[in-house]
N, C-alpha and C. Protein backbone atom coordinates (compact mmCIF):
# COMPACT_ATOMS: atom_id res chain seq x y z
N MET A 1 97.50 76.27 35.25
CA MET A 1 97.60 74.87 34.96
C MET A 1 96.42 74.10 35.53
N GLY A 2 95.48 74.59 36.24
CA GLY A 2 94.39 73.90 36.92
C GLY A 2 93.96 72.59 36.28
N ASN A 3 93.07 71.90 36.95
CA ASN A 3 92.51 70.63 36.48
C ASN A 3 93.54 69.55 36.24
N ALA A 4 94.55 69.48 37.07
CA ALA A 4 95.55 68.41 36.95
C ALA A 4 94.89 67.08 37.31
N THR A 5 95.31 66.03 36.63
CA THR A 5 94.79 64.69 36.92
C THR A 5 95.25 64.27 38.31
N PRO A 6 94.34 63.82 39.16
CA PRO A 6 94.73 63.37 40.50
C PRO A 6 95.72 62.20 40.42
N LYS A 7 96.64 62.16 41.35
CA LYS A 7 97.65 61.09 41.42
C LYS A 7 97.74 60.56 42.83
N LEU A 8 98.24 59.35 42.93
CA LEU A 8 98.53 58.75 44.24
C LEU A 8 99.95 59.17 44.61
N ASP A 9 100.09 60.43 45.03
CA ASP A 9 101.41 61.02 45.19
C ASP A 9 101.83 61.31 46.62
N THR A 10 101.09 60.76 47.59
CA THR A 10 101.52 60.89 48.99
C THR A 10 101.44 59.51 49.63
N GLN A 11 102.16 59.34 50.71
CA GLN A 11 102.15 58.06 51.42
C GLN A 11 100.73 57.73 51.89
N ALA A 12 100.00 58.71 52.35
CA ALA A 12 98.63 58.48 52.83
C ALA A 12 97.73 57.98 51.70
N LEU A 13 97.85 58.57 50.51
CA LEU A 13 97.03 58.13 49.38
C LEU A 13 97.41 56.73 48.92
N VAL A 14 98.70 56.42 48.92
CA VAL A 14 99.15 55.08 48.54
C VAL A 14 98.62 54.06 49.54
N GLN A 15 98.69 54.36 50.83
CA GLN A 15 98.18 53.45 51.84
C GLN A 15 96.67 53.25 51.69
N ALA A 16 95.94 54.33 51.42
CA ALA A 16 94.50 54.23 51.22
C ALA A 16 94.18 53.39 49.98
N ALA A 17 94.96 53.56 48.92
CA ALA A 17 94.76 52.77 47.70
C ALA A 17 95.05 51.30 47.96
N LEU A 18 96.10 51.00 48.70
CA LEU A 18 96.42 49.61 49.00
C LEU A 18 95.37 48.98 49.90
N MET A 19 94.73 49.75 50.75
CA MET A 19 93.63 49.23 51.56
C MET A 19 92.47 48.83 50.65
N GLN A 20 92.22 49.62 49.62
CA GLN A 20 91.16 49.26 48.67
C GLN A 20 91.54 48.00 47.89
N VAL A 21 92.82 47.82 47.59
CA VAL A 21 93.28 46.59 46.94
C VAL A 21 92.97 45.39 47.83
N ARG A 22 93.22 45.50 49.12
CA ARG A 22 92.95 44.40 50.05
C ARG A 22 91.46 44.07 50.09
N HIS A 23 90.61 45.09 50.09
CA HIS A 23 89.16 44.86 50.04
C HIS A 23 88.78 44.16 48.74
N TRP A 24 89.36 44.61 47.64
CA TRP A 24 89.09 44.06 46.32
C TRP A 24 89.56 42.61 46.23
N GLN A 25 90.73 42.31 46.82
CA GLN A 25 91.22 40.94 46.79
C GLN A 25 90.32 40.00 47.60
N ALA A 26 89.75 40.49 48.68
CA ALA A 26 88.86 39.69 49.51
C ALA A 26 87.52 39.45 48.81
N ASP A 27 87.04 40.43 48.05
CA ASP A 27 85.76 40.32 47.35
C ASP A 27 85.77 41.25 46.15
N GLN A 28 85.98 40.68 44.97
CA GLN A 28 86.09 41.51 43.77
C GLN A 28 84.79 42.19 43.38
N ASN A 29 83.69 41.85 44.04
CA ASN A 29 82.42 42.52 43.78
C ASN A 29 82.11 43.60 44.81
N SER A 30 83.04 43.84 45.73
CA SER A 30 82.79 44.84 46.77
C SER A 30 82.84 46.25 46.18
N ALA A 31 82.09 47.14 46.79
CA ALA A 31 82.10 48.54 46.38
C ALA A 31 83.38 49.19 46.91
N LEU A 32 84.16 49.75 46.02
CA LEU A 32 85.43 50.37 46.40
C LEU A 32 85.31 51.88 46.34
N THR A 33 86.00 52.55 47.24
CA THR A 33 85.98 54.01 47.25
C THR A 33 87.33 54.55 46.81
N CYS A 34 87.28 55.64 46.11
CA CYS A 34 88.48 56.30 45.60
C CYS A 34 89.29 56.86 46.76
N PRO A 35 90.61 56.58 46.80
CA PRO A 35 91.44 57.13 47.86
C PRO A 35 91.64 58.65 47.75
N VAL A 36 91.35 59.21 46.58
CA VAL A 36 91.54 60.66 46.38
C VAL A 36 90.28 61.44 46.73
N CYS A 37 89.13 61.04 46.14
CA CYS A 37 87.91 61.84 46.33
C CYS A 37 86.86 61.18 47.21
N GLY A 38 87.01 59.89 47.51
CA GLY A 38 86.07 59.19 48.37
C GLY A 38 84.82 58.68 47.67
N ALA A 39 84.70 58.93 46.37
CA ALA A 39 83.52 58.46 45.63
C ALA A 39 83.57 56.95 45.46
N SER A 40 82.41 56.32 45.41
CA SER A 40 82.38 54.89 45.13
C SER A 40 82.57 54.68 43.64
N GLY A 41 82.97 53.47 43.27
CA GLY A 41 83.17 53.17 41.86
C GLY A 41 84.62 53.09 41.44
N LEU A 42 85.54 53.08 42.39
CA LEU A 42 86.96 52.93 42.06
C LEU A 42 87.16 51.64 41.27
N GLN A 43 87.92 51.70 40.20
CA GLN A 43 88.26 50.52 39.39
C GLN A 43 89.72 50.17 39.64
N ILE A 44 89.97 48.87 39.85
CA ILE A 44 91.33 48.38 40.05
C ILE A 44 91.59 47.30 39.02
N VAL A 45 92.75 47.37 38.36
CA VAL A 45 93.19 46.34 37.43
C VAL A 45 94.52 45.80 37.94
N ASP A 46 94.58 44.49 38.09
CA ASP A 46 95.81 43.84 38.56
C ASP A 46 96.69 43.57 37.34
N ARG A 47 97.81 44.28 37.25
CA ARG A 47 98.77 44.11 36.15
C ARG A 47 100.07 43.51 36.66
N SER A 48 99.98 42.79 37.77
CA SER A 48 101.16 42.25 38.43
C SER A 48 101.93 41.28 37.55
N ALA A 49 103.23 41.23 37.77
CA ALA A 49 104.13 40.29 37.10
C ALA A 49 104.78 39.45 38.18
N ARG A 50 103.97 38.59 38.80
CA ARG A 50 104.48 37.78 39.89
C ARG A 50 105.35 36.67 39.33
N PRO A 51 106.41 36.33 39.97
CA PRO A 51 106.81 36.66 41.33
C PRO A 51 107.71 37.89 41.42
N PHE A 52 107.71 38.74 40.40
CA PHE A 52 108.64 39.86 40.37
C PHE A 52 108.08 41.16 40.94
N ALA A 53 106.79 41.41 40.73
CA ALA A 53 106.22 42.68 41.19
C ALA A 53 104.71 42.60 41.31
N ASP A 54 104.18 43.35 42.26
CA ASP A 54 102.74 43.64 42.33
C ASP A 54 102.56 44.99 41.63
N TRP A 55 101.55 45.08 40.79
CA TRP A 55 101.34 46.30 40.02
C TRP A 55 99.84 46.47 39.83
N TYR A 56 99.28 47.52 40.40
CA TYR A 56 97.85 47.77 40.36
C TYR A 56 97.58 49.11 39.69
N ALA A 57 96.62 49.11 38.76
CA ALA A 57 96.19 50.35 38.10
C ALA A 57 94.86 50.77 38.72
N PHE A 58 94.73 52.06 38.99
CA PHE A 58 93.54 52.62 39.63
C PHE A 58 92.92 53.67 38.72
N SER A 59 91.59 53.65 38.65
CA SER A 59 90.90 54.72 37.92
C SER A 59 89.59 55.05 38.62
N CYS A 60 89.26 56.33 38.59
CA CYS A 60 88.03 56.82 39.20
C CYS A 60 87.38 57.79 38.22
N GLU A 61 86.17 57.46 37.84
CA GLU A 61 85.44 58.31 36.91
C GLU A 61 85.06 59.64 37.54
N ALA A 62 84.80 59.64 38.84
CA ALA A 62 84.33 60.85 39.52
C ALA A 62 85.37 61.97 39.52
N CYS A 63 86.64 61.63 39.83
CA CYS A 63 87.67 62.68 39.95
C CYS A 63 88.73 62.62 38.85
N GLY A 64 88.71 61.55 38.05
CA GLY A 64 89.68 61.45 36.96
C GLY A 64 90.98 60.75 37.34
N LEU A 65 91.02 60.14 38.53
CA LEU A 65 92.22 59.41 38.93
C LEU A 65 92.57 58.37 37.87
N ASP A 66 93.81 58.35 37.47
CA ASP A 66 94.34 57.36 36.53
C ASP A 66 95.81 57.19 36.87
N ASP A 67 96.09 56.25 37.79
CA ASP A 67 97.45 56.09 38.29
C ASP A 67 97.67 54.63 38.63
N HIS A 68 98.88 54.30 39.00
CA HIS A 68 99.19 52.92 39.36
C HIS A 68 100.17 52.89 40.53
N ILE A 69 100.23 51.72 41.14
CA ILE A 69 101.21 51.46 42.20
C ILE A 69 101.99 50.22 41.79
N HIS A 70 103.30 50.34 41.82
CA HIS A 70 104.21 49.24 41.46
C HIS A 70 105.03 48.90 42.69
N ILE A 71 104.97 47.62 43.11
CA ILE A 71 105.70 47.19 44.30
C ILE A 71 106.62 46.05 43.92
N PRO A 72 107.93 46.30 43.82
CA PRO A 72 108.86 45.21 43.52
C PRO A 72 108.83 44.16 44.63
N LEU A 73 108.89 42.90 44.25
CA LEU A 73 108.92 41.81 45.23
C LEU A 73 110.31 41.24 45.29
N PRO A 74 110.65 40.62 46.41
CA PRO A 74 111.98 40.01 46.53
C PRO A 74 112.17 38.96 45.44
N THR A 75 113.37 38.90 44.92
CA THR A 75 113.69 37.92 43.88
C THR A 75 113.62 36.53 44.47
N PRO A 76 112.90 35.62 43.80
CA PRO A 76 112.83 34.26 44.31
C PRO A 76 114.22 33.61 44.28
N ARG A 77 114.51 32.88 45.29
CA ARG A 77 115.80 32.17 45.35
C ARG A 77 115.65 30.80 44.74
N THR A 78 116.66 30.42 43.97
CA THR A 78 116.66 29.08 43.40
C THR A 78 117.53 28.17 44.25
N PRO A 79 117.10 26.92 44.42
CA PRO A 79 117.91 26.01 45.24
C PRO A 79 119.27 25.77 44.59
N MET A 80 120.26 25.59 45.43
CA MET A 80 121.61 25.35 44.91
C MET A 80 121.86 23.88 44.78
């Protein structure tokens, strides 16, 4: 089965990917590194549906990473 597409499938990889999101949010022109292979050129697309969820898509041309992270957010409360 070799050559499987890399995934963000461990807690360490998810944490590394979220760190790149934080760098990207601070400066969208910053050079990002892939959490899987360490190559520069990581692409992040924000597909969030706020206020319901944060959702980020990640892709890396160097290693073939094509995955996403979906983080449900607390439901907003409406005043009574």
